[in-house]
């Protein structure tokens, strides 16, 4: 829209945390390996998007980066989370806030 990069302020909300938890994957089978790959891939994809934006707009002020301190419960099928998972997700949000 013609704004100078120095006049742009960006606040980022992430749905994944800053760290990938270490796991003993020595006993993983195919599906477990795939799920772990997807977890790691999602993390790097999220962080890569943020880093690319920072490199593309070096003068912009990336003011706040908000991310959860723990894992947000999820489901392979969208909107198929149990009420317990939803409660855990909300509790994590309240705790982090």
PDB file of N, CA and C in Angstrom:
ATOM      1  N   UNK A   1       0.824  -1.197   0.000  1.00  0.00           N
ATOM      2  CA  UNK A   1       0.000   0.000   0.000  1.00  0.00           C
ATOM      3  C   UNK A   1       0.863   1.254   0.000  1.00  0.00           C
ATOM      4  N   UNK A   2       2.166   1.088  -0.173  1.00  0.00           N
ATOM      5  CA  UNK A   2       3.032   2.239  -0.273  1.00  0.00           C
ATOM      6  C   UNK A   2       3.661   2.693   1.022  1.00  0.00           C
ATOM      7  N   UNK A   3       3.471   1.967   2.101  1.00  0.00           N
ATOM      8  CA  UNK A   3       4.075   2.349   3.378  1.00  0.00           C
ATOM      9  C   UNK A   3       5.563   2.014   3.368  1.00  0.00           C
ATOM     10  N   UNK A   4       6.343   2.849   4.001  1.00  0.00           N
ATOM     11  CA  UNK A   4       7.761   2.534   4.180  1.00  0.00           C
ATOM     12  C   UNK A   4       7.869   1.383   5.170  1.00  0.00           C
ATOM     13  N   UNK A   5       8.844   0.510   4.958  1.00  0.00           N
ATOM     14  CA  UNK A   5       9.005  -0.642   5.852  1.00  0.00           C
ATOM     15  C   UNK A   5       9.165  -0.210   7.306  1.00  0.00           C
ATOM     16  N   UNK A   6       9.789   0.915   7.526  1.00  0.00           N
ATOM     17  CA  UNK A   6       9.999   1.406   8.886  1.00  0.00           C
ATOM     18  C   UNK A   6       8.693   1.798   9.577  1.00  0.00           C
ATOM     19  N   UNK A   7       7.629   1.997   8.793  1.00  0.00           N
ATOM     20  CA  UNK A   7       6.331   2.377   9.350  1.00  0.00           C
ATOM     21  C   UNK A   7       5.402   1.178   9.554  1.00  0.00           C
ATOM     22  N   UNK A   8       5.917  -0.021   9.292  1.00  0.00           N
ATOM     23  CA  UNK A   8       5.095  -1.227   9.410  1.00  0.00           C
ATOM     24  C   UNK A   8       5.420  -1.931  10.734  1.00  0.00           C
ATOM     25  N   UNK A   9       4.367  -2.240  11.495  1.00  0.00           N
ATOM     26  CA  UNK A   9       4.505  -2.982  12.753  1.00  0.00           C
ATOM     27  C   UNK A   9       3.740  -4.293  12.593  1.00  0.00           C
ATOM     28  N   UNK A  10       4.413  -5.396  12.903  1.00  0.00           N
ATOM     29  CA  UNK A  10       3.808  -6.721  12.736  1.00  0.00           C
ATOM     30  C   UNK A  10       3.807  -7.445  14.082  1.00  0.00           C
ATOM     31  N   UNK A  11       2.653  -7.937  14.484  1.00  0.00           N
ATOM     32  CA  UNK A  11       2.527  -8.802  15.649  1.00  0.00           C
ATOM     33  C   UNK A  11       2.175 -10.192  15.129  1.00  0.00           C
ATOM     34  N   UNK A  12       2.890 -11.209  15.599  1.00  0.00           N
ATOM     35  CA  UNK A  12       2.738 -12.568  15.080  1.00  0.00           C
ATOM     36  C   UNK A  12       2.191 -13.479  16.167  1.00  0.00           C
ATOM     37  N   UNK A  13       1.179 -14.262  15.824  1.00  0.00           N
ATOM     38  CA  UNK A  13       0.643 -15.283  16.720  1.00  0.00           C
ATOM     39  C   UNK A  13       0.893 -16.633  16.067  1.00  0.00           C
ATOM     40  N   UNK A  14       1.664 -17.476  16.752  1.00  0.00           N
ATOM     41  CA  UNK A  14       2.011 -18.798  16.237  1.00  0.00           C
ATOM     42  C   UNK A  14       1.135 -19.850  16.916  1.00  0.00           C
ATOM     43  N   UNK A  15       0.908 -20.955  16.222  1.00  0.00           N
ATOM     44  CA  UNK A  15       0.148 -22.060  16.815  1.00  0.00           C
ATOM     45  C   UNK A  15       1.053 -23.209  17.211  1.00  0.00           C
ATOM     46  N   UNK A  16       2.364 -23.010  17.076  1.00  0.00           N
ATOM     47  CA  UNK A  16       3.315 -24.015  17.532  1.00  0.00           C
ATOM     48  C   UNK A  16       4.374 -23.321  18.370  1.00  0.00           C
ATOM     49  N   UNK A  17       4.973 -24.075  19.260  1.00  0.00           N
ATOM     50  CA  UNK A  17       5.950 -23.508  20.170  1.00  0.00           C
ATOM     51  C   UNK A  17       7.316 -23.313  19.548  1.00  0.00           C
ATOM     52  N   UNK A  18       8.195 -22.699  20.318  1.00  0.00           N
ATOM     53  CA  UNK A  18       9.534 -22.384  19.842  1.00  0.00           C
ATOM     54  C   UNK A  18      10.477 -23.576  19.892  1.00  0.00           C
ATOM     55  N   UNK A  19      10.084 -24.626  20.562  1.00  0.00           N
ATOM     56  CA  UNK A  19      10.955 -25.783  20.694  1.00  0.00           C
ATOM     57  C   UNK A  19      10.249 -27.047  20.242  1.00  0.00           C
ATOM     58  N   UNK A  20      11.035 -27.945  19.686  1.00  0.00           N
ATOM     59  CA  UNK A  20      10.518 -29.266  19.363  1.00  0.00           C
ATOM     60  C   UNK A  20      10.911 -30.173  20.521  1.00  0.00           C
ATOM     61  N   UNK A  21       9.946 -30.846  21.092  1.00  0.00           N
ATOM     62  CA  UNK A  21      10.264 -31.708  22.227  1.00  0.00           C
ATOM     63  C   UNK A  21      11.040 -32.939  21.769  1.00  0.00           C
ATOM     64  N   UNK A  22      12.009 -33.308  22.577  1.00  0.00           N
ATOM     65  CA  UNK A  22      12.796 -34.499  22.263  1.00  0.00           C
ATOM     66  C   UNK A  22      11.985 -35.732  22.613  1.00  0.00           C
ATOM     67  N   UNK A  23      12.097 -36.741  21.762  1.00  0.00           N
ATOM     68  CA  UNK A  23      11.380 -37.984  21.994  1.00  0.00           C
ATOM     69  C   UNK A  23      12.291 -39.151  21.658  1.00  0.00           C
ATOM     70  N   UNK A  24      12.081 -40.262  22.339  1.00  0.00           N
ATOM     71  CA  UNK A  24      12.769 -41.494  21.986  1.00  0.00           C
ATOM     72  C   UNK A  24      11.952 -42.151  20.885  1.00  0.00           C
ATOM     73  N   UNK A  25      12.449 -42.089  19.679  1.00  0.00           N
ATOM     74  CA  UNK A  25      11.710 -42.599  18.523  1.00  0.00           C
ATOM     75  C   UNK A  25      12.218 -43.969  18.073  1.00  0.00           C
ATOM     76  N   UNK A  26      13.068 -44.583  18.879  1.00  0.00           N
ATOM     77  CA  UNK A  26      13.670 -45.855  18.474  1.00  0.00           C
ATOM     78  C   UNK A  26      12.643 -46.963  18.266  1.00  0.00           C
ATOM     79  N   UNK A  27      11.505 -46.893  18.936  1.00  0.00           N
ATOM     80  CA  UNK A  27      10.489 -47.923  18.779  1.00  0.00           C
ATOM     81  C   UNK A  27       9.351 -47.533  17.861  1.00  0.00           C
ATOM     82  N   UNK A  28       9.470 -46.405  17.198  1.00  0.00           N
ATOM     83  CA  UNK A  28       8.383 -45.932  16.337  1.00  0.00           C
ATOM     84  C   UNK A  28       8.193 -46.831  15.122  1.00  0.00           C
ATOM     85  N   UNK A  29       6.945 -47.009  14.747  1.00  0.00           N
ATOM     86  CA  UNK A  29       6.581 -47.719  13.512  1.00  0.00           C
ATOM     87  C   UNK A  29       6.199 -46.674  12.471  1.00  0.00           C
ATOM     88  N   UNK A  30       5.791 -47.113  11.311  1.00  0.00           N
ATOM     89  CA  UNK A  30       5.562 -46.224  10.159  1.00  0.00           C
ATOM     90  C   UNK A  30       4.665 -45.030  10.472  1.00  0.00           C
ATOM     91  N   UNK A  31       3.494 -45.274  11.044  1.00  0.00           N
ATOM     92  CA  UNK A  31       2.549 -44.183  11.305  1.00  0.00           C
ATOM     93  C   UNK A  31       3.136 -43.208  12.322  1.00  0.00           C
ATOM     94  N   UNK A  32       3.799 -43.730  13.352  1.00  0.00           N
ATOM     95  CA  UNK A  32       4.396 -42.864  14.366  1.00  0.00           C
ATOM     96  C   UNK A  32       5.518 -42.015  13.766  1.00  0.00           C
ATOM     97  N   UNK A  33       6.298 -42.601  12.866  1.00  0.00           N
ATOM     98  CA  UNK A  33       7.361 -41.851  12.189  1.00  0.00           C
ATOM     99  C   UNK A  33       6.746 -40.755  11.341  1.00  0.00           C
ATOM    100  N   UNK A  34       5.672 -41.068  10.628  1.00  0.00           N
ATOM    101  CA  UNK A  34       5.011 -40.064   9.800  1.00  0.00           C
ATOM    102  C   UNK A  34       4.475 -38.915  10.657  1.00  0.00           C
ATOM    103  N   UNK A  35       3.852 -39.235  11.795  1.00  0.00           N
ATOM    104  CA  UNK A  35       3.311 -38.194  12.660  1.00  0.00           C
ATOM    105  C   UNK A  35       4.439 -37.319  13.218  1.00  0.00           C
ATOM    106  N   UNK A  36       5.557 -37.936  13.571  1.00  0.00           N
ATOM    107  CA  UNK A  36       6.702 -37.164  14.065  1.00  0.00           C
ATOM    108  C   UNK A  36       7.252 -36.276  12.962  1.00  0.00           C
ATOM    109  N   UNK A  37       7.342 -36.809  11.744  1.00  0.00           N
ATOM    110  CA  UNK A  37       7.799 -36.001  10.612  1.00  0.00           C
ATOM    111  C   UNK A  37       6.883 -34.792  10.423  1.00  0.00           C
ATOM    112  N   UNK A  38       5.580 -35.013  10.474  1.00  0.00           N
ATOM    113  CA  UNK A  38       4.633 -33.908  10.287  1.00  0.00           C
ATOM    114  C   UNK A  38       4.787 -32.855  11.378  1.00  0.00           C
ATOM    115  N   UNK A  39       5.046 -33.291  12.613  1.00  0.00           N
ATOM    116  CA  UNK A  39       5.256 -32.363  13.721  1.00  0.00           C
ATOM    117  C   UNK A  39       6.497 -31.496  13.475  1.00  0.00           C
ATOM    118  N   UNK A  40       7.593 -32.139  13.082  1.00  0.00           N
ATOM    119  CA  UNK A  40       8.843 -31.413  12.828  1.00  0.00           C
ATOM    120  C   UNK A  40       8.707 -30.520  11.605  1.00  0.00           C
ATOM    121  N   UNK A  41       8.078 -31.028  10.566  1.00  0.00           N
ATOM    122  CA  UNK A  41       7.881 -30.256   9.338  1.00  0.00           C
ATOM    123  C   UNK A  41       7.029 -29.018   9.594  1.00  0.00           C
ATOM    124  N   UNK A  42       5.991 -29.167  10.389  1.00  0.00           N
ATOM    125  CA  UNK A  42       5.123 -28.034  10.716  1.00  0.00           C
ATOM    126  C   UNK A  42       5.902 -26.964  11.474  1.00  0.00           C
ATOM    127  N   UNK A  43       6.733 -27.393  12.421  1.00  0.00           N
ATOM    128  CA  UNK A  43       7.550 -26.453  13.185  1.00  0.00           C
ATOM    129  C   UNK A  43       8.459 -25.652  12.251  1.00  0.00           C
ATOM    130  N   UNK A  44       9.210 -26.356  11.407  1.00  0.00           N
ATOM    131  CA  UNK A  44      10.138 -25.661  10.530  1.00  0.00           C
ATOM    132  C   UNK A  44       9.423 -24.809   9.489  1.00  0.00           C
ATOM    133  N   UNK A  45       8.279 -25.251   9.043  1.00  0.00           N
ATOM    134  CA  UNK A  45       7.497 -24.456   8.091  1.00  0.00           C
ATOM    135  C   UNK A  45       7.045 -23.150   8.734  1.00  0.00           C
ATOM    136  N   UNK A  46       6.574 -23.221   9.975  1.00  0.00           N
ATOM    137  CA  UNK A  46       6.134 -22.019  10.686  1.00  0.00           C
ATOM    138  C   UNK A  46       7.291 -21.061  10.903  1.00  0.00           C
ATOM    139  N   UNK A  47       8.395 -21.578  11.403  1.00  0.00           N
ATOM    140  CA  UNK A  47       9.539 -20.728  11.690  1.00  0.00           C
ATOM    141  C   UNK A  47      10.135 -20.173  10.392  1.00  0.00           C
ATOM    142  N   UNK A  48      10.132 -20.989   9.330  1.00  0.00           N
ATOM    143  CA  UNK A  48      10.657 -20.527   8.045  1.00  0.00           C
ATOM    144  C   UNK A  48       9.834 -19.360   7.513  1.00  0.00           C
ATOM    145  N   UNK A  49       8.515 -19.432   7.659  1.00  0.00           N
ATOM    146  CA  UNK A  49       7.666 -18.340   7.198  1.00  0.00           C
ATOM    147  C   UNK A  49       7.979 -17.037   7.920  1.00  0.00           C
ATOM    148  N   UNK A  50       8.192 -17.119   9.215  1.00  0.00           N
ATOM    149  CA  UNK A  50       8.525 -15.935   9.994  1.00  0.00           C
ATOM    150  C   UNK A  50       9.893 -15.381   9.589  1.00  0.00           C
ATOM    151  N   UNK A  51      10.879 -16.254   9.456  1.00  0.00           N
ATOM    152  CA  UNK A  51      12.222 -15.801   9.074  1.00  0.00           C
ATOM    153  C   UNK A  51      12.240 -15.179   7.679  1.00  0.00           C
ATOM    154  N   UNK A  52      11.493 -15.770   6.764  1.00  0.00           N
ATOM    155  CA  UNK A  52      11.417 -15.209   5.406  1.00  0.00           C
ATOM    156  C   UNK A  52      10.803 -13.811   5.416  1.00  0.00           C
ATOM    157  N   UNK A  53       9.774 -13.632   6.227  1.00  0.00           N
ATOM    158  CA  UNK A  53       9.143 -12.314   6.333  1.00  0.00           C
ATOM    159  C   UNK A  53      10.124 -11.289   6.904  1.00  0.00           C
ATOM    160  N   UNK A  54      10.896 -11.695   7.917  1.00  0.00           N
ATOM    161  CA  UNK A  54      11.874 -10.774   8.502  1.00  0.00           C
ATOM    162  C   UNK A  54      12.960 -10.399   7.507  1.00  0.00           C
ATOM    163  N   UNK A  55      13.402 -11.358   6.703  1.00  0.00           N
ATOM    164  CA  UNK A  55      14.422 -11.062   5.685  1.00  0.00           C
ATOM    165  C   UNK A  55      13.850 -10.217   4.552  1.00  0.00           C
ATOM    166  N   UNK A  56      12.590 -10.457   4.196  1.00  0.00           N
ATOM    167  CA  UNK A  56      11.976  -9.719   3.085  1.00  0.00           C
ATOM    168  C   UNK A  56      11.684  -8.268   3.459  1.00  0.00           C
ATOM    169  N   UNK A  57      11.421  -8.016   4.739  1.00  0.00           N
ATOM    170  CA  UNK A  57      11.069  -6.674   5.199  1.00  0.00           C
ATOM    171  C   UNK A  57      11.966  -6.295   6.370  1.00  0.00           C
ATOM    172  N   UNK A  58      13.261  -6.067   6.109  1.00  0.00           N
ATOM    173  CA  UNK A  58      14.212  -5.846   7.200  1.00  0.00           C
ATOM    174  C   UNK A  58      13.932  -4.593   8.027  1.00  0.00           C
ATOM    175  N   UNK A  59      13.268  -3.620   7.485  1.00  0.00           N
ATOM    176  CA  UNK A  59      12.996  -2.396   8.229  1.00  0.00           C
ATOM    177  C   UNK A  59      11.730  -2.462   9.062  1.00  0.00           C
ATOM    178  N   UNK A  60      10.891  -3.465   8.808  1.00  0.00           N
ATOM    179  CA  UNK A  60       9.629  -3.583   9.542  1.00  0.00           C
ATOM    180  C   UNK A  60       9.894  -3.965  10.990  1.00  0.00           C
ATOM    181  N   UNK A  61       9.016  -3.503  11.864  1.00  0.00           N
ATOM    182  CA  UNK A  61       9.132  -3.798  13.289  1.00  0.00           C
ATOM    183  C   UNK A  61       8.287  -5.023  13.611  1.00  0.00           C
ATOM    184  N   UNK A  62       8.938  -6.173  13.778  1.00  0.00           N
ATOM    185  CA  UNK A  62       8.243  -7.376  14.217  1.00  0.00           C
ATOM    186  C   UNK A  62       8.185  -7.289  15.739  1.00  0.00           C
ATOM    187  N   UNK A  63       7.131  -6.652  16.230  1.00  0.00           N
ATOM    188  CA  UNK A  63       7.038  -6.224  17.617  1.00  0.00           C
ATOM    189  C   UNK A  63       6.854  -7.379  18.591  1.00  0.00           C
ATOM    190  N   UNK A  64       5.826  -8.174  18.411  1.00  0.00           N
ATOM    191  CA  UNK A  64       5.534  -9.258  19.344  1.00  0.00           C
ATOM    192  C   UNK A  64       5.451 -10.579  18.597  1.00  0.00           C
ATOM    193  N   UNK A  65       6.006 -11.603  19.206  1.00  0.00           N
ATOM    194  CA  UNK A  65       5.876 -12.973  18.715  1.00  0.00           C
ATOM    195  C   UNK A  65       5.270 -13.766  19.862  1.00  0.00           C
ATOM    196  N   UNK A  66       4.033 -14.198  19.690  1.00  0.00           N
ATOM    197  CA  UNK A  66       3.315 -14.923  20.720  1.00  0.00           C
ATOM    198  C   UNK A  66       3.170 -16.366  20.267  1.00  0.00           C
ATOM    199  N   UNK A  67       3.578 -17.284  21.158  1.00  0.00           N
ATOM    200  CA  UNK A  67       3.440 -18.701  20.835  1.00  0.00           C
ATOM    201  C   UNK A  67       3.144 -19.475  22.108  1.00  0.00           C
ATOM    202  N   UNK A  68       2.501 -20.624  21.972  1.00  0.00           N
ATOM    203  CA  UNK A  68       2.164 -21.397  23.161  1.00  0.00           C
ATOM    204  C   UNK A  68       3.407 -21.988  23.815  1.00  0.00           C
ATOM    205  N   UNK A  69       3.335 -22.164  25.133  1.00  0.00           N
ATOM    206  CA  UNK A  69       4.454 -22.769  25.854  1.00  0.00           C
ATOM    207  C   UNK A  69       4.390 -24.287  25.815  1.00  0.00           C
ATOM    208  N   UNK A  70       3.257 -24.833  25.420  1.00  0.00           N
ATOM    209  CA  UNK A  70       3.092 -26.284  25.343  1.00  0.00           C
ATOM    210  C   UNK A  70       2.406 -26.674  24.052  1.00  0.00           C
ATOM    211  N   UNK A  71       2.145 -27.954  23.927  1.00  0.00           N
ATOM    212  CA  UNK A  71       1.474 -28.452  22.731  1.00  0.00           C
ATOM    213  C   UNK A  71      -0.023 -28.161  22.798  1.00  0.00           C
ATOM    214  N   UNK A  72      -0.551 -27.663  21.706  1.00  0.00           N
ATOM    215  CA  UNK A  72      -1.989 -27.463  21.604  1.00  0.00           C
ATOM    216  C   UNK A  72      -2.585 -28.773  21.104  1.00  0.00           C
ATOM    217  N   UNK A  73      -3.539 -29.343  21.831  1.00  0.00           N
ATOM    218  CA  UNK A  73      -4.148 -30.590  21.354  1.00  0.00           C
ATOM    219  C   UNK A  73      -4.739 -30.393  19.963  1.00  0.00           C
ATOM    220  N   UNK A  74      -4.620 -31.422  19.140  1.00  0.00           N
ATOM    221  CA  UNK A  74      -5.148 -31.332  17.784  1.00  0.00           C
ATOM    222  C   UNK A  74      -5.676 -32.692  17.356  1.00  0.00           C
ATOM    223  N   UNK A  75      -6.266 -32.710  16.200  1.00  0.00           N
ATOM    224  CA  UNK A  75      -6.817 -33.937  15.645  1.00  0.00           C
ATOM    225  C   UNK A  75      -6.479 -33.997  14.166  1.00  0.00           C
ATOM    226  N   UNK A  76      -6.324 -35.197  13.652  1.00  0.00           N
ATOM    227  CA  UNK A  76      -6.070 -35.362  12.221  1.00  0.00           C
ATOM    228  C   UNK A  76      -7.259 -34.832  11.431  1.00  0.00           C
ATOM    229  N   UNK A  77      -8.453 -35.039  11.977  1.00  0.00           N
ATOM    230  CA  UNK A  77      -9.663 -34.530  11.330  1.00  0.00           C
ATOM    231  C   UNK A  77     -10.025 -33.179  11.935  1.00  0.00           C
ATOM    232  N   UNK A  78     -10.214 -32.151  11.104  1.00  0.00           N
ATOM    233  CA  UNK A  78     -10.574 -30.831  11.638  1.00  0.00           C
ATOM    234  C   UNK A  78     -11.858 -30.887  12.465  1.00  0.00           C
ATOM    235  N   UNK A  79     -11.856 -30.171  13.550  1.00  0.00           N
ATOM    236  CA  UNK A  79     -13.013 -30.038  14.434  1.00  0.00           C
ATOM    237  C   UNK A  79     -13.461 -31.362  15.048  1.00  0.00           C
ATOM    238  N   UNK A  80     -12.564 -32.346  15.129  1.00  0.00           N
ATOM    239  CA  UNK A  80     -12.921 -33.637  15.706  1.00  0.00           C
ATOM    240  C   UNK A  80     -12.228 -33.844  17.048  1.00  0.00           C
ATOM    241  N   UNK A  81     -11.991 -32.754  17.763  1.00  0.00           N
ATOM    242  CA  UNK A  81     -11.328 -32.845  19.060  1.00  0.00           C
ATOM    243  C   UNK A  81     -12.354 -33.189  20.139  1.00  0.00           C
ATOM    244  N   UNK A  82     -11.902 -33.898  21.151  1.00  0.00           N
ATOM    245  CA  UNK A  82     -12.785 -34.221  22.271  1.00  0.00           C
ATOM    246  C   UNK A  82     -12.963 -32.973  23.135  1.00  0.00           C
ATOM    247  N   UNK A  83     -13.977 -33.001  23.976  1.00  0.00           N
ATOM    248  CA  UNK A  83     -14.199 -31.851  24.859  1.00  0.00           C
ATOM    249  C   UNK A  83     -13.031 -31.709  25.833  1.00  0.00           C
ATOM    250  N   UNK A  84     -12.376 -32.821  26.199  1.00  0.00           N
ATOM    251  CA  UNK A  84     -11.204 -32.758  27.072  1.00  0.00           C
ATOM    252  C   UNK A  84     -10.048 -32.037  26.368  1.00  0.00           C
ATOM    253  N   UNK A  85      -9.851 -32.341  25.072  1.00  0.00           N
ATOM    254  CA  UNK A  85      -8.796 -31.658  24.308  1.00  0.00           C
ATOM    255  C   UNK A  85      -9.073 -30.166  24.192  1.00  0.00           C
ATOM    256  N   UNK A  86     -10.315 -29.810  23.975  1.00  0.00           N
ATOM    257  CA  UNK A  86     -10.686 -28.394  23.872  1.00  0.00           C
ATOM    258  C   UNK A  86     -10.439 -27.687  25.207  1.00  0.00           C
ATOM    259  N   UNK A  87     -10.806 -28.349  26.300  1.00  0.00           N
ATOM    260  CA  UNK A  87     -10.547 -27.769  27.627  1.00  0.00           C
ATOM    261  C   UNK A  87      -9.055 -27.560  27.858  1.00  0.00           C
ATOM    262  N   UNK A  88      -8.236 -28.535  27.434  1.00  0.00           N
ATOM    263  CA  UNK A  88      -6.782 -28.418  27.584  1.00  0.00           C
ATOM    264  C   UNK A  88      -6.246 -27.248  26.762  1.00  0.00           C
ATOM    265  N   UNK A  89      -6.750 -27.087  25.547  1.00  0.00           N
ATOM    266  CA  UNK A  89      -6.298 -25.989  24.687  1.00  0.00           C
ATOM    267  C   UNK A  89      -6.631 -24.628  25.321  1.00  0.00           C
ATOM    268  N   UNK A  90      -7.849 -24.492  25.832  1.00  0.00           N
ATOM    269  CA  UNK A  90      -8.240 -23.245  26.478  1.00  0.00           C
ATOM    270  C   UNK A  90      -7.423 -23.012  27.744  1.00  0.00           C
ATOM    271  N   UNK A  91      -7.181 -24.057  28.527  1.00  0.00           N
ATOM    272  CA  UNK A  91      -6.392 -23.928  29.754  1.00  0.00           C
ATOM    273  C   UNK A  91      -4.976 -23.468  29.440  1.00  0.00           C
ATOM    274  N   UNK A  92      -4.399 -23.994  28.368  1.00  0.00           N
ATOM    275  CA  UNK A  92      -3.065 -23.562  27.968  1.00  0.00           C
ATOM    276  C   UNK A  92      -3.070 -22.080  27.587  1.00  0.00           C
ATOM    277  N   UNK A  93      -4.081 -21.648  26.857  1.00  0.00           N
ATOM    278  CA  UNK A  93      -4.192 -20.247  26.478  1.00  0.00           C
ATOM    279  C   UNK A  93      -4.327 -19.333  27.689  1.00  0.00           C
ATOM    280  N   UNK A  94      -5.128 -19.738  28.650  1.00  0.00           N
ATOM    281  CA  UNK A  94      -5.299 -18.946  29.868  1.00  0.00           C
ATOM    282  C   UNK A  94      -3.984 -18.892  30.631  1.00  0.00           C
ATOM    283  N   UNK A  95      -3.303 -20.027  30.768  1.00  0.00           N
ATOM    284  CA  UNK A  95      -2.038 -20.076  31.491  1.00  0.00           C
ATOM    285  C   UNK A  95      -1.000 -19.180  30.821  1.00  0.00           C
ATOM    286  N   UNK A  96      -0.899 -19.253  29.506  1.00  0.00           N
ATOM    287  CA  UNK A  96       0.085 -18.444  28.790  1.00  0.00           C
ATOM    288  C   UNK A  96      -0.242 -16.960  28.833  1.00  0.00           C
ATOM    289  N   UNK A  97      -1.531 -16.634  28.849  1.00  0.00           N
ATOM    290  CA  UNK A  97      -1.920 -15.226  28.914  1.00  0.00           C
ATOM    291  C   UNK A  97      -1.512 -14.639  30.233  1.00  0.00           C
TER     292      UNK A  97
END
